[in-house]
Amino acid sequence: MLRPTNLFFLAILLAGSVRAQTSDNHYQVKFHEVRASSKADMESALYKLTGASQVSFNTSDSTFMLSTPRLLDKTVIAGKLQKHFFPVMSIRHLETDIDPFPMMRNSGNAEADALQYEQEKDAWIKKYPDAYRKMVENK
């Protein structure tokens, strides 16, 4: 027979497991190369290896966005994707990881590229001053 105190602890345990299942972690996965012929296989591998509840492809920056109730070990997932011949550039946990530092583009217009880089860099520094300070100190 369950006593009221046991029911209380069972209710707390169940509430905790439901909360863990409903709060998804969101990741951005960037591969070295995404070909149209391999996009469906990459998506399938992401579902299989991450336990994702949703995977979508972002055409603007050629990245996959995924939601999963699991907290992923990014190194392990990258290694498993590599075994499937899908080399990963980066995996970002969107709730905790910071955006990557901007990179200079080469569109053929050096002045416009330099201006865009400076604007993106200044915005990044304003958004992540502590990360920038660490970056400058570790040069």
C-alpha atoms as a PDB file:
ATOM      1  CA  MET A   1       0.000   0.000   0.000  1.00  0.00           C
ATOM      2  CA  LEU A   2       1.276   3.452  -0.890  1.00  0.00           C
ATOM      3  CA  ARG A   3       1.456   5.947   1.902  1.00  0.00           C
ATOM      4  CA  PRO A   4       0.801   9.663   1.308  1.00  0.00           C
ATOM      5  CA  THR A   5       4.526  10.453   1.616  1.00  0.00           C
ATOM      6  CA  ASN A   6       5.361   7.829  -1.032  1.00  0.00           C
ATOM      7  CA  LEU A   7       2.696   9.277  -3.328  1.00  0.00           C
ATOM      8  CA  PHE A   8       4.165  12.734  -2.787  1.00  0.00           C
ATOM      9  CA  PHE A   9       7.660  11.570  -3.843  1.00  0.00           C
ATOM     10  CA  LEU A  10       6.230   9.613  -6.780  1.00  0.00           C
ATOM     11  CA  ALA A  11       4.399  12.750  -7.949  1.00  0.00           C
ATOM     12  CA  ILE A  12       7.634  14.780  -7.738  1.00  0.00           C
ATOM     13  CA  LEU A  13       9.518  12.102  -9.659  1.00  0.00           C
ATOM     14  CA  LEU A  14       6.890  11.951 -12.407  1.00  0.00           C
ATOM     15  CA  ALA A  15       6.659  15.727 -12.659  1.00  0.00           C
ATOM     16  CA  GLY A  16      10.439  15.921 -13.074  1.00  0.00           C
ATOM     17  CA  SER A  17      10.499  13.315 -15.835  1.00  0.00           C
ATOM     18  CA  VAL A  18       7.671  15.038 -17.716  1.00  0.00           C
ATOM     19  CA  ARG A  19       9.478  18.375 -17.459  1.00  0.00           C
ATOM     20  CA  ALA A  20      12.672  16.807 -18.825  1.00  0.00           C
ATOM     21  CA  GLN A  21      10.784  15.406 -21.793  1.00  0.00           C
ATOM     22  CA  THR A  22       8.994  18.617 -22.733  1.00  0.00           C
ATOM     23  CA  SER A  23      11.929  21.034 -22.546  1.00  0.00           C
ATOM     24  CA  ASP A  24      13.833  20.474 -25.770  1.00  0.00           C
ATOM     25  CA  ASN A  25      17.426  21.443 -26.400  1.00  0.00           C
ATOM     26  CA  HIS A  26      18.008  23.234 -29.693  1.00  0.00           C
ATOM     27  CA  TYR A  27      21.123  22.742 -31.789  1.00  0.00           C
ATOM     28  CA  GLN A  28      22.560  24.109 -34.999  1.00  0.00           C
ATOM     29  CA  VAL A  29      24.675  21.651 -37.001  1.00  0.00           C
ATOM     30  CA  LYS A  30      26.931  22.915 -39.778  1.00  0.00           C
ATOM     31  CA  PHE A  31      28.572  20.434 -42.129  1.00  0.00           C
ATOM     32  CA  HIS A  32      31.609  21.055 -44.326  1.00  0.00           C
ATOM     33  CA  GLU A  33      29.529  20.434 -47.423  1.00  0.00           C
ATOM     34  CA  VAL A  34      25.819  19.858 -47.951  1.00  0.00           C
ATOM     35  CA  ARG A  35      24.950  18.434 -51.333  1.00  0.00           C
ATOM     36  CA  ALA A  36      21.371  18.158 -52.481  1.00  0.00           C
ATOM     37  CA  SER A  37      21.879  14.414 -53.022  1.00  0.00           C
ATOM     38  CA  SER A  38      23.017  13.822 -49.418  1.00  0.00           C
ATOM     39  CA  LYS A  39      20.710  16.249 -47.552  1.00  0.00           C
ATOM     40  CA  ALA A  40      18.026  13.621 -46.849  1.00  0.00           C
ATOM     41  CA  ASP A  41      20.667  11.148 -45.587  1.00  0.00           C
ATOM     42  CA  MET A  42      22.151  13.818 -43.308  1.00  0.00           C
ATOM     43  CA  GLU A  43      18.699  14.609 -41.919  1.00  0.00           C
ATOM     44  CA  SER A  44      18.028  10.905 -41.318  1.00  0.00           C
ATOM     45  CA  ALA A  45      21.384  10.488 -39.541  1.00  0.00           C
ATOM     46  CA  LEU A  46      20.630  13.482 -37.302  1.00  0.00           C
ATOM     47  CA  TYR A  47      17.263  11.996 -36.300  1.00  0.00           C
ATOM     48  CA  LYS A  48      18.834   8.613 -35.613  1.00  0.00           C
ATOM     49  CA  LEU A  49      21.963   9.760 -33.749  1.00  0.00           C
ATOM     50  CA  THR A  50      20.463  12.566 -31.657  1.00  0.00           C
ATOM     51  CA  GLY A  51      16.978  11.293 -30.880  1.00  0.00           C
ATOM     52  CA  ALA A  52      15.702  14.561 -32.350  1.00  0.00           C
ATOM     53  CA  SER A  53      12.005  15.298 -32.295  1.00  0.00           C
ATOM     54  CA  GLN A  54      12.425  17.774 -35.157  1.00  0.00           C
ATOM     55  CA  VAL A  55      15.122  18.425 -37.800  1.00  0.00           C
ATOM     56  CA  SER A  56      14.945  21.174 -40.404  1.00  0.00           C
ATOM     57  CA  PHE A  57      17.338  22.534 -43.002  1.00  0.00           C
ATOM     58  CA  ASN A  58      18.037  26.266 -43.105  1.00  0.00           C
ATOM     59  CA  THR A  59      18.797  27.169 -46.721  1.00  0.00           C
ATOM     60  CA  SER A  60      20.093  30.679 -45.920  1.00  0.00           C
ATOM     61  CA  ASP A  61      23.224  29.370 -44.170  1.00  0.00           C
ATOM     62  CA  SER A  62      23.136  25.642 -45.104  1.00  0.00           C
ATOM     63  CA  THR A  63      22.738  24.436 -41.519  1.00  0.00           C
ATOM     64  CA  PHE A  64      20.464  21.915 -39.888  1.00  0.00           C
ATOM     65  CA  MET A  65      18.422  22.972 -36.866  1.00  0.00           C
ATOM     66  CA  LEU A  66      17.301  20.244 -34.494  1.00  0.00           C
ATOM     67  CA  SER A  67      15.324  19.868 -31.287  1.00  0.00           C
ATOM     68  CA  THR A  68      15.892  16.993 -28.910  1.00  0.00           C
ATOM     69  CA  PRO A  69      14.953  16.282 -25.298  1.00  0.00           C
ATOM     70  CA  ARG A  70      18.515  14.981 -24.784  1.00  0.00           C
ATOM     71  CA  LEU A  71      21.535  17.079 -23.882  1.00  0.00           C
ATOM     72  CA  LEU A  72      24.043  16.033 -26.550  1.00  0.00           C
ATOM     73  CA  ASP A  73      27.749  15.367 -26.241  1.00  0.00           C
ATOM     74  CA  LYS A  74      28.775  17.346 -29.304  1.00  0.00           C
ATOM     75  CA  THR A  75      32.117  15.535 -29.725  1.00  0.00           C
ATOM     76  CA  VAL A  76      30.449  12.113 -29.727  1.00  0.00           C
ATOM     77  CA  ILE A  77      27.744  13.202 -32.190  1.00  0.00           C
ATOM     78  CA  ALA A  78      30.362  14.777 -34.509  1.00  0.00           C
ATOM     79  CA  GLY A  79      32.384  11.543 -34.407  1.00  0.00           C
ATOM     80  CA  LYS A  80      29.351   9.409 -35.209  1.00  0.00           C
ATOM     81  CA  LEU A  81      28.392  11.690 -38.100  1.00  0.00           C
ATOM     82  CA  GLN A  82      31.977  11.484 -39.374  1.00  0.00           C
ATOM     83  CA  LYS A  83      31.651   7.675 -39.419  1.00  0.00           C
ATOM     84  CA  HIS A  84      28.645   8.174 -41.722  1.00  0.00           C
ATOM     85  CA  PHE A  85      30.926  10.306 -43.974  1.00  0.00           C
ATOM     86  CA  PHE A  86      29.290  13.580 -42.916  1.00  0.00           C
ATOM     87  CA  PRO A  87      32.155  15.770 -41.606  1.00  0.00           C
ATOM     88  CA  VAL A  88      30.857  18.389 -39.169  1.00  0.00           C
ATOM     89  CA  MET A  89      32.178  21.951 -38.987  1.00  0.00           C
ATOM     90  CA  SER A  90      30.334  22.850 -35.803  1.00  0.00           C
ATOM     91  CA  ILE A  91      27.525  21.881 -33.451  1.00  0.00           C
ATOM     92  CA  ARG A  92      26.098  24.700 -31.351  1.00  0.00           C
ATOM     93  CA  HIS A  93      23.731  24.362 -28.413  1.00  0.00           C
ATOM     94  CA  LEU A  94      21.612  27.433 -29.061  1.00  0.00           C
ATOM     95  CA  GLU A  95      20.637  27.979 -25.427  1.00  0.00           C
ATOM     96  CA  THR A  96      24.205  27.981 -24.052  1.00  0.00           C
ATOM     97  CA  ASP A  97      26.818  28.391 -26.828  1.00  0.00           C
ATOM     98  CA  ILE A  98      27.745  31.805 -28.160  1.00  0.00           C
ATOM     99  CA  ASP A  99      27.652  32.732 -31.836  1.00  0.00           C
ATOM    100  CA  PRO A 100      30.925  32.173 -33.691  1.00  0.00           C
ATOM    101  CA  PHE A 101      33.190  35.182 -34.195  1.00  0.00           C
ATOM    102  CA  PRO A 102      32.486  36.823 -37.587  1.00  0.00           C
ATOM    103  CA  MET A 103      34.680  35.941 -40.537  1.00  0.00           C
ATOM    104  CA  MET A 104      35.824  38.153 -43.401  1.00  0.00           C
ATOM    105  CA  ARG A 105      34.029  37.282 -46.621  1.00  0.00           C
ATOM    106  CA  ASN A 106      35.432  37.621 -50.106  1.00  0.00           C
ATOM    107  CA  SER A 107      32.707  38.761 -52.484  1.00  0.00           C
ATOM    108  CA  GLY A 108      35.141  40.495 -54.812  1.00  0.00           C
ATOM    109  CA  ASN A 109      34.409  43.925 -53.346  1.00  0.00           C
ATOM    110  CA  ALA A 110      37.143  44.412 -50.728  1.00  0.00           C
ATOM    111  CA  GLU A 111      35.745  47.693 -49.346  1.00  0.00           C
ATOM    112  CA  ALA A 112      32.217  46.362 -48.875  1.00  0.00           C
ATOM    113  CA  ASP A 113      33.578  43.131 -47.352  1.00  0.00           C
ATOM    114  CA  ALA A 114      35.749  45.067 -44.883  1.00  0.00           C
ATOM    115  CA  LEU A 115      32.833  47.314 -43.895  1.00  0.00           C
ATOM    116  CA  GLN A 116      30.491  44.347 -43.386  1.00  0.00           C
ATOM    117  CA  TYR A 117      33.143  42.508 -41.330  1.00  0.00           C
ATOM    118  CA  GLU A 118      33.702  45.533 -39.074  1.00  0.00           C
ATOM    119  CA  GLN A 119      29.956  45.923 -38.501  1.00  0.00           C
ATOM    120  CA  GLU A 120      29.508  42.220 -37.677  1.00  0.00           C
ATOM    121  CA  LYS A 121      32.600  42.226 -35.441  1.00  0.00           C
ATOM    122  CA  ASP A 122      31.421  45.329 -33.525  1.00  0.00           C
ATOM    123  CA  ALA A 123      27.964  43.776 -33.014  1.00  0.00           C
ATOM    124  CA  TRP A 124      29.558  40.512 -31.792  1.00  0.00           C
ATOM    125  CA  ILE A 125      31.823  42.388 -29.343  1.00  0.00           C
ATOM    126  CA  LYS A 126      28.820  44.296 -27.931  1.00  0.00           C
ATOM    127  CA  LYS A 127      26.870  41.049 -27.550  1.00  0.00           C
ATOM    128  CA  TYR A 128      29.748  39.033 -26.003  1.00  0.00           C
ATOM    129  CA  PRO A 129      32.151  41.452 -24.248  1.00  0.00           C
ATOM    130  CA  ASP A 130      33.471  38.811 -21.823  1.00  0.00           C
ATOM    131  CA  ALA A 131      34.255  36.357 -24.618  1.00  0.00           C
ATOM    132  CA  TYR A 132      36.021  39.100 -26.578  1.00  0.00           C
ATOM    133  CA  ARG A 133      38.069  40.099 -23.528  1.00  0.00           C
ATOM    134  CA  LYS A 134      39.166  36.475 -23.077  1.00  0.00           C
ATOM    135  CA  MET A 135      40.001  36.218 -26.767  1.00  0.00           C
ATOM    136  CA  VAL A 136      42.187  39.342 -26.677  1.00  0.00           C
ATOM    137  CA  GLU A 137      43.916  38.293 -23.436  1.00  0.00           C
ATOM    138  CA  ASN A 138      44.819  34.860 -24.865  1.00  0.00           C
ATOM    139  CA  LYS A 139      46.540  36.161 -28.006  1.00  0.00           C
END
